[in-house]
Amino acid sequence: MSAPFGLIGHQEVVDTVRAFAGHALLLYGPARVGKRPTARLLAALMNCERGVAVGPCGACRSCQGVLHGAHPDLLEIEPRTTTATGKTARRRLIPVAAITEKRDDGREYEQHVIEWLETAPTYARKVVIVDGAEHLNEESANALLKVVEEPPHRALFVFLAEEVQAVLPTIASRAARLGVSAVSDEVLARALVTLGEEDPELLAFAAGRPGVIVERAKAREALHDARVLVEALSLGMLGALEAAEGLEKRFDPRWHPEALQFVLRGEEMHVRAAADRALQRTLAALEQYVSPSLAFQLLALELREALGAA
């Protein structure tokens, strides 16, 4: 039943979600573990033309709308990847401008949660998925408060976060909570086999998170880039700086930091700790819009030092 919505495993989670009858749910668990597909399945379930008791069928117009990302009763919001000026957003944030049109002075968003909820659903129930609830700031969380407590037209909110503690109490205290844990390596291995692939390294990197298998091309690119950088660190200063420049051009904060940590997993603990500190300093610098070129050059130098490269 859940396969068409991108879920791999998680049958217990699916069973729990199918029985959910509230108006706000907080799904928490590691990145790429399957929270967003679970939320989409719930949205499909609520609006399936065959009814909640039978659906989601995956075949009706409503289910097809969810599957193709074009459902009139489903709104998904997440931190912006670009700023108003077109630059890559270094800091993950869901601002109040995404919540209400009244605060969107720059008209950056086509849809706003509060105004979108004012109209009745096309099918049965409007669903708002907030992917990255920990990135709601106090202003945006407060703006959501009233509609979460008294959702218009029985709307359903599904908040997704990696850790409950990172979500502001304004939101976390008003939602039922459901943990989404890693699945077994056997489940992921079978999923890869059905795709005609075998990849022990990818399975190790996934660590039970189905989203890595779903987005395996991005995962492999990040792992490749991380290996290139680490190998270049021992080839001399010039090679390290050139590899850092290459990483800067392809850097994705959702994938590359974790890929770099994975590639360094065989190093001694003090080396990994030093590398983690260097990586955190780089990410903090990027959030402050320090020159990316400078930030990655410093990262390469700090990693060379951590690894004891001559």
Protein backbone atom coordinates (compact mmCIF):
# COMPACT_ATOMS: atom_id res chain seq x y z
CA MET A 1 0.00 0.00 0.00
CA SER A 2 2.75 2.47 0.95
CA ALA A 3 5.26 1.68 -1.82
CA PRO A 4 3.82 4.14 -4.41
CA PHE A 5 4.44 7.01 -2.00
CA GLY A 6 8.20 6.41 -1.76
CA LEU A 7 8.24 4.55 1.54
CA ILE A 8 10.65 1.68 2.09
CA GLY A 9 9.81 -0.35 5.18
CA HIS A 10 8.22 1.40 8.18
CA GLN A 11 5.09 -0.74 8.24
CA GLU A 12 4.51 -0.03 11.94
CA VAL A 13 4.71 3.71 11.27
CA VAL A 14 2.26 3.35 8.39
CA ASP A 15 -0.19 1.45 10.59
CA THR A 16 0.02 4.15 13.27
CA VAL A 17 -0.43 6.96 10.76
CA ARG A 18 -3.45 5.25 9.22
CA ALA A 19 -5.15 5.35 12.62
CA PHE A 20 -4.29 9.00 13.34
CA ALA A 21 -7.35 11.15 14.00
CA GLY A 22 -5.87 14.41 15.29
CA HIS A 23 -5.14 17.75 13.63
CA ALA A 24 -1.38 18.07 14.26
CA LEU A 25 1.33 15.42 14.08
CA LEU A 26 5.07 15.75 14.66
CA LEU A 27 7.14 13.10 12.89
CA TYR A 28 10.72 13.01 14.13
CA GLY A 29 13.77 11.02 13.17
CA PRO A 30 17.07 11.24 11.27
CA ALA A 31 17.34 13.04 7.96
CA ARG A 32 16.19 10.91 5.02
CA VAL A 33 14.70 8.23 7.26
CA GLY A 34 11.27 8.47 5.58
CA LYS A 35 9.38 11.25 7.36
CA ARG A 36 8.33 13.16 4.25
CA PRO A 37 7.02 10.10 2.36
CA THR A 38 5.10 9.17 5.52
CA ALA A 39 3.55 12.64 5.64
CA ARG A 40 2.59 12.46 1.97
CA LEU A 41 1.02 9.06 2.51
CA LEU A 42 -1.07 10.56 5.32
CA ALA A 43 -2.14 13.41 3.03
CA ALA A 44 -3.12 10.89 0.37
CA LEU A 45 -5.00 8.80 2.92
CA MET A 46 -7.06 11.77 4.08
CA ASN A 47 -8.10 12.65 0.55
CA CYS A 48 -8.30 9.31 -1.27
CA GLU A 49 -11.51 9.06 -3.30
CA ARG A 50 -11.96 5.50 -2.06
CA GLY A 51 -12.15 6.77 1.53
CA VAL A 52 -9.93 6.65 4.60
CA ALA A 53 -10.96 3.09 5.44
CA VAL A 54 -9.69 1.80 2.08
CA GLY A 55 -7.10 4.28 0.84
CA PRO A 56 -4.69 5.45 -0.13
CA CYS A 57 -5.30 3.58 -3.36
CA GLY A 58 -2.55 5.31 -5.33
CA ALA A 59 -4.72 5.33 -8.45
CA CYS A 60 -7.54 7.87 -7.98
CA ARG A 61 -7.18 11.51 -9.08
CA SER A 62 -6.45 12.61 -5.53
CA CYS A 63 -3.73 10.02 -4.91
CA GLN A 64 -2.19 10.75 -8.29
CA GLY A 65 -2.09 14.43 -7.38
CA VAL A 66 -0.06 13.63 -4.25
CA LEU A 67 2.24 11.31 -6.19
CA HIS A 68 2.98 13.98 -8.81
CA GLY A 69 3.33 16.89 -6.40
CA ALA A 70 0.26 18.68 -7.74
CA HIS A 71 -2.49 18.17 -5.16
CA PRO A 72 -4.78 21.15 -4.51
CA ASP A 73 -5.18 20.23 -0.83
CA LEU A 74 -1.50 19.65 -0.03
CA LEU A 75 0.91 22.45 0.82
CA GLU A 76 4.53 21.67 1.64
CA ILE A 77 6.89 24.27 3.09
CA GLU A 78 10.56 23.98 3.95
CA PRO A 79 13.57 26.25 4.43
CA ARG A 80 14.46 28.25 1.33
CA THR A 81 17.47 27.12 -0.68
CA THR A 82 17.96 30.58 -2.23
CA THR A 83 17.65 34.11 -0.91
CA ALA A 84 15.54 36.93 -2.35
CA THR A 85 18.62 38.06 -4.32
CA GLY A 86 19.13 34.63 -5.86
CA LYS A 87 22.12 33.64 -3.73
CA THR A 88 22.37 30.21 -2.16
CA ALA A 89 20.84 30.34 1.30
CA ARG A 90 23.46 29.27 3.82
CA ARG A 91 21.19 29.39 6.85
CA ARG A 92 18.15 27.12 7.01
CA LEU A 93 15.09 29.11 8.06
CA ILE A 94 11.32 29.12 7.54
CA PRO A 95 10.48 32.80 7.99
CA VAL A 96 7.17 34.37 8.93
CA ALA A 97 6.83 35.54 5.31
CA ALA A 98 6.11 31.91 4.36
CA ILE A 99 3.31 31.74 6.91
CA THR A 100 1.27 34.84 6.16
CA GLU A 101 0.99 37.12 3.16
CA LYS A 102 0.75 40.11 5.48
CA ARG A 103 4.41 39.69 6.44
CA ASP A 104 5.71 38.86 2.96
CA ASP A 105 6.82 42.38 2.11
CA GLY A 106 9.06 41.22 -0.71
CA ARG A 107 6.39 38.92 -2.22
CA GLU A 108 8.83 36.02 -2.15
CA TYR A 109 6.22 33.28 -1.74
CA GLU A 110 3.43 32.33 -4.13
CA GLN A 111 1.40 30.68 -1.35
CA HIS A 112 1.16 31.41 2.35
CA VAL A 113 -0.09 28.93 4.92
CA ILE A 114 -2.71 31.12 6.65
CA GLU A 115 -4.26 32.48 3.47
CA TRP A 116 -4.13 29.07 1.76
CA LEU A 117 -6.13 27.54 4.60
CA GLU A 118 -8.96 30.08 4.27
CA THR A 119 -10.58 28.25 1.34
CA ALA A 120 -12.36 24.91 1.68
CA PRO A 121 -10.59 21.74 0.45
CA THR A 122 -11.17 20.44 -3.05
CA TYR A 123 -11.38 16.86 -1.84
CA ALA A 124 -11.74 16.12 1.87
CA ARG A 125 -9.05 17.72 4.01
CA LYS A 126 -6.26 20.21 3.53
CA VAL A 127 -2.82 19.09 4.72
CA VAL A 128 0.17 21.32 5.49
CA ILE A 129 3.54 19.56 5.66
CA VAL A 130 6.26 21.59 7.39
CA ASP A 131 9.52 19.84 6.51
CA GLY A 132 12.13 21.20 8.91
CA ALA A 133 9.93 22.31 11.80
CA GLU A 134 13.07 23.01 13.83
CA HIS A 135 13.79 25.83 11.37
CA LEU A 136 10.65 27.76 12.23
CA ASN A 137 11.82 30.82 14.14
CA GLU A 138 9.82 32.22 17.03
CA GLU A 139 8.03 34.72 14.83
CA SER A 140 6.89 32.16 12.26
CA ALA A 141 5.91 29.63 14.94
CA ASN A 142 3.80 32.22 16.74
CA ALA A 143 2.11 33.17 13.48
CA LEU A 144 1.13 29.52 13.00
CA LEU A 145 -0.16 29.10 16.54
CA LYS A 146 -3.83 29.99 16.05
CA VAL A 147 -4.38 27.92 12.90
CA VAL A 148 -2.62 24.93 14.49
CA GLU A 149 -4.86 25.16 17.57
CA GLU A 150 -8.04 25.82 15.57
CA PRO A 151 -7.36 24.61 12.01
CA PRO A 152 -9.82 25.98 9.43
CA HIS A 153 -11.88 23.34 7.61
CA ARG A 154 -10.35 20.57 9.81
CA ALA A 155 -6.95 21.09 8.21
CA LEU A 156 -4.15 18.75 9.22
CA PHE A 157 -0.61 19.87 10.07
CA VAL A 158 2.29 17.42 9.78
CA PHE A 159 5.55 18.75 11.19
CA LEU A 160 8.81 17.00 10.35
CA ALA A 161 11.96 17.37 12.44
CA GLU A 162 15.13 15.48 13.23
CA GLU A 163 14.83 16.08 16.98
CA VAL A 164 11.79 16.99 19.06
CA GLN A 165 13.95 19.12 21.37
CA ALA A 166 14.92 21.37 18.46
CA VAL A 167 11.30 22.32 17.72
CA LEU A 168 9.95 25.35 19.55
CA PRO A 169 7.52 24.39 22.35
CA THR A 170 4.90 26.57 20.67
CA ILE A 171 4.64 23.87 17.99
CA ALA A 172 5.85 20.70 19.70
CA SER A 173 3.39 20.96 22.60
CA ARG A 174 0.41 21.12 20.25
CA ALA A 175 1.16 18.07 18.14
CA ALA A 176 1.04 14.33 18.70
CA ARG A 177 4.49 12.80 18.30
CA LEU A 178 5.62 9.79 16.33
CA GLY A 179 9.20 8.64 15.93
CA VAL A 180 10.39 7.33 12.57
CA SER A 181 13.41 5.10 13.14
CA ALA A 182 15.97 3.58 10.82
CA VAL A 183 15.02 0.37 9.02
CA SER A 184 17.21 -2.71 8.78
CA ASP A 185 20.05 -3.04 6.29
CA GLU A 186 18.28 -6.13 4.93
CA VAL A 187 15.23 -4.07 3.99
CA LEU A 188 17.40 -1.50 2.20
CA ALA A 189 19.46 -4.18 0.49
CA ARG A 190 16.29 -5.76 -0.89
CA ALA A 191 15.14 -2.36 -2.10
CA LEU A 192 18.42 -1.92 -3.97
CA VAL A 193 18.14 -5.38 -5.50
CA THR A 194 14.69 -4.53 -6.86
CA LEU A 195 16.40 -1.59 -8.56
CA GLY A 196 18.96 -3.95 -10.06
CA GLU A 197 21.81 -2.66 -7.90
CA GLU A 198 24.19 -3.81 -5.18
CA ASP A 199 26.25 -1.24 -3.31
CA PRO A 200 27.67 -2.11 0.13
CA GLU A 201 29.18 1.35 0.58
CA LEU A 202 25.87 3.06 -0.14
CA LEU A 203 24.12 0.76 2.35
CA ALA A 204 26.72 1.60 4.99
CA PHE A 205 26.29 5.32 4.32
CA ALA A 206 22.50 4.98 4.44
CA ALA A 207 22.63 3.48 7.94
CA GLY A 208 19.01 2.38 7.72
CA ARG A 209 17.67 5.56 6.06
CA PRO A 210 15.59 4.79 2.96
CA GLY A 211 15.90 8.33 1.62
CA VAL A 212 19.55 7.68 0.80
CA ILE A 213 18.48 4.84 -1.48
CA VAL A 214 15.77 6.97 -3.05
CA GLU A 215 18.28 9.78 -3.70
CA ARG A 216 21.25 7.51 -4.31
CA ALA A 217 22.62 9.59 -7.19
CA LYS A 218 23.08 12.59 -4.90
CA ALA A 219 24.55 10.40 -2.18
CA ARG A 220 27.09 8.89 -4.55
CA GLU A 221 28.08 12.30 -5.90
CA ALA A 222 28.65 13.60 -2.37
CA LEU A 223 30.69 10.53 -1.42
CA HIS A 224 32.79 10.91 -4.56
CA ASP A 225 33.46 14.60 -3.85
CA ALA A 226 34.40 13.82 -0.25
CA ARG A 227 36.85 11.11 -1.33
CA VAL A 228 38.45 13.45 -3.89
CA LEU A 229 39.01 16.08 -1.23
CA VAL A 230 40.41 13.68 1.38
CA GLU A 231 42.76 12.04 -1.15
CA ALA A 232 43.99 15.45 -2.31
CA LEU A 233 44.92 16.47 1.23
CA SER A 234 47.98 14.21 1.13
CA LEU A 235 49.11 15.34 -2.33
CA GLY A 236 50.41 18.76 -1.33
CA MET A 237 49.04 22.18 -0.55
CA LEU A 238 48.16 23.09 -4.13
CA GLY A 239 46.23 19.89 -4.72
CA ALA A 240 44.31 20.35 -1.47
CA LEU A 241 43.32 23.91 -2.36
CA GLU A 242 42.24 22.88 -5.87
CA ALA A 243 40.09 20.08 -4.43
CA ALA A 244 38.56 22.55 -1.96
CA GLU A 245 37.70 24.85 -4.85
CA GLY A 246 36.00 21.96 -6.65
CA LEU A 247 34.01 21.05 -3.54
CA GLU A 248 32.91 24.67 -3.12
CA LYS A 249 31.28 24.64 -6.57
CA ARG A 250 29.31 21.45 -5.88
CA PHE A 251 28.73 21.80 -2.15
CA ASP A 252 25.31 20.76 -0.86
CA PRO A 253 24.94 21.25 2.92
CA ARG A 254 22.36 18.46 3.01
CA TRP A 255 24.82 15.86 1.71
CA HIS A 256 28.48 16.82 1.69
CA PRO A 257 29.10 17.30 5.44
CA GLU A 258 27.77 13.83 6.20
CA ALA A 259 29.64 12.33 3.24
CA LEU A 260 32.89 13.83 4.48
CA GLN A 261 32.32 12.44 7.98
CA PHE A 262 31.59 9.03 6.45
CA VAL A 263 34.76 9.01 4.36
CA LEU A 264 36.80 9.89 7.46
CA ARG A 265 35.10 7.26 9.65
CA GLY A 266 38.19 5.01 9.65
CA GLU A 267 40.47 7.67 11.12
CA GLU A 268 41.36 7.82 14.81
CA MET A 269 38.86 9.51 17.10
CA HIS A 270 40.92 12.66 17.68
CA VAL A 271 41.31 13.11 13.92
CA ARG A 272 37.57 12.75 13.35
CA ALA A 273 36.86 15.17 16.19
CA ALA A 274 39.20 17.77 14.71
CA ALA A 275 37.67 17.28 11.26
CA ASP A 276 34.17 17.70 12.69
CA ARG A 277 35.18 20.97 14.35
CA ALA A 278 36.67 22.24 11.10
CA LEU A 279 33.51 21.30 9.23
CA GLN A 280 31.28 23.03 11.78
CA ARG A 281 33.39 26.19 11.52
CA THR A 282 33.01 26.09 7.75
CA LEU A 283 29.23 25.72 7.94
CA ALA A 284 29.02 28.55 10.48
CA ALA A 285 31.12 30.77 8.22
CA LEU A 286 28.86 30.04 5.25
CA GLU A 287 25.80 30.95 7.32
CA GLN A 288 27.44 34.31 8.00
CA TYR A 289 28.08 34.73 4.25
CA VAL A 290 31.85 34.64 4.61
CA SER A 291 33.51 34.24 1.20
CA PRO A 292 32.83 30.60 0.20
CA SER A 293 36.24 30.41 -1.47
CA LEU A 294 37.98 31.44 1.72
CA ALA A 295 35.81 29.17 3.86
CA PHE A 296 36.67 26.07 1.82
CA GLN A 297 40.36 26.94 1.60
CA LEU A 298 40.45 27.13 5.40
CA LEU A 299 38.57 23.84 5.59
CA ALA A 300 41.21 22.15 3.43
CA LEU A 301 44.03 23.58 5.54
CA GLU A 302 42.40 22.50 8.81
CA LEU A 303 41.71 19.01 7.47
CA ARG A 304 45.33 18.69 6.36
CA GLU A 305 46.43 19.61 9.85
CA ALA A 306 43.97 17.18 11.44
CA LEU A 307 45.21 14.34 9.24
CA GLY A 308 48.84 15.25 9.85
CA ALA A 309 49.50 15.85 6.15
CA ALA A 310 52.96 17.22 5.44
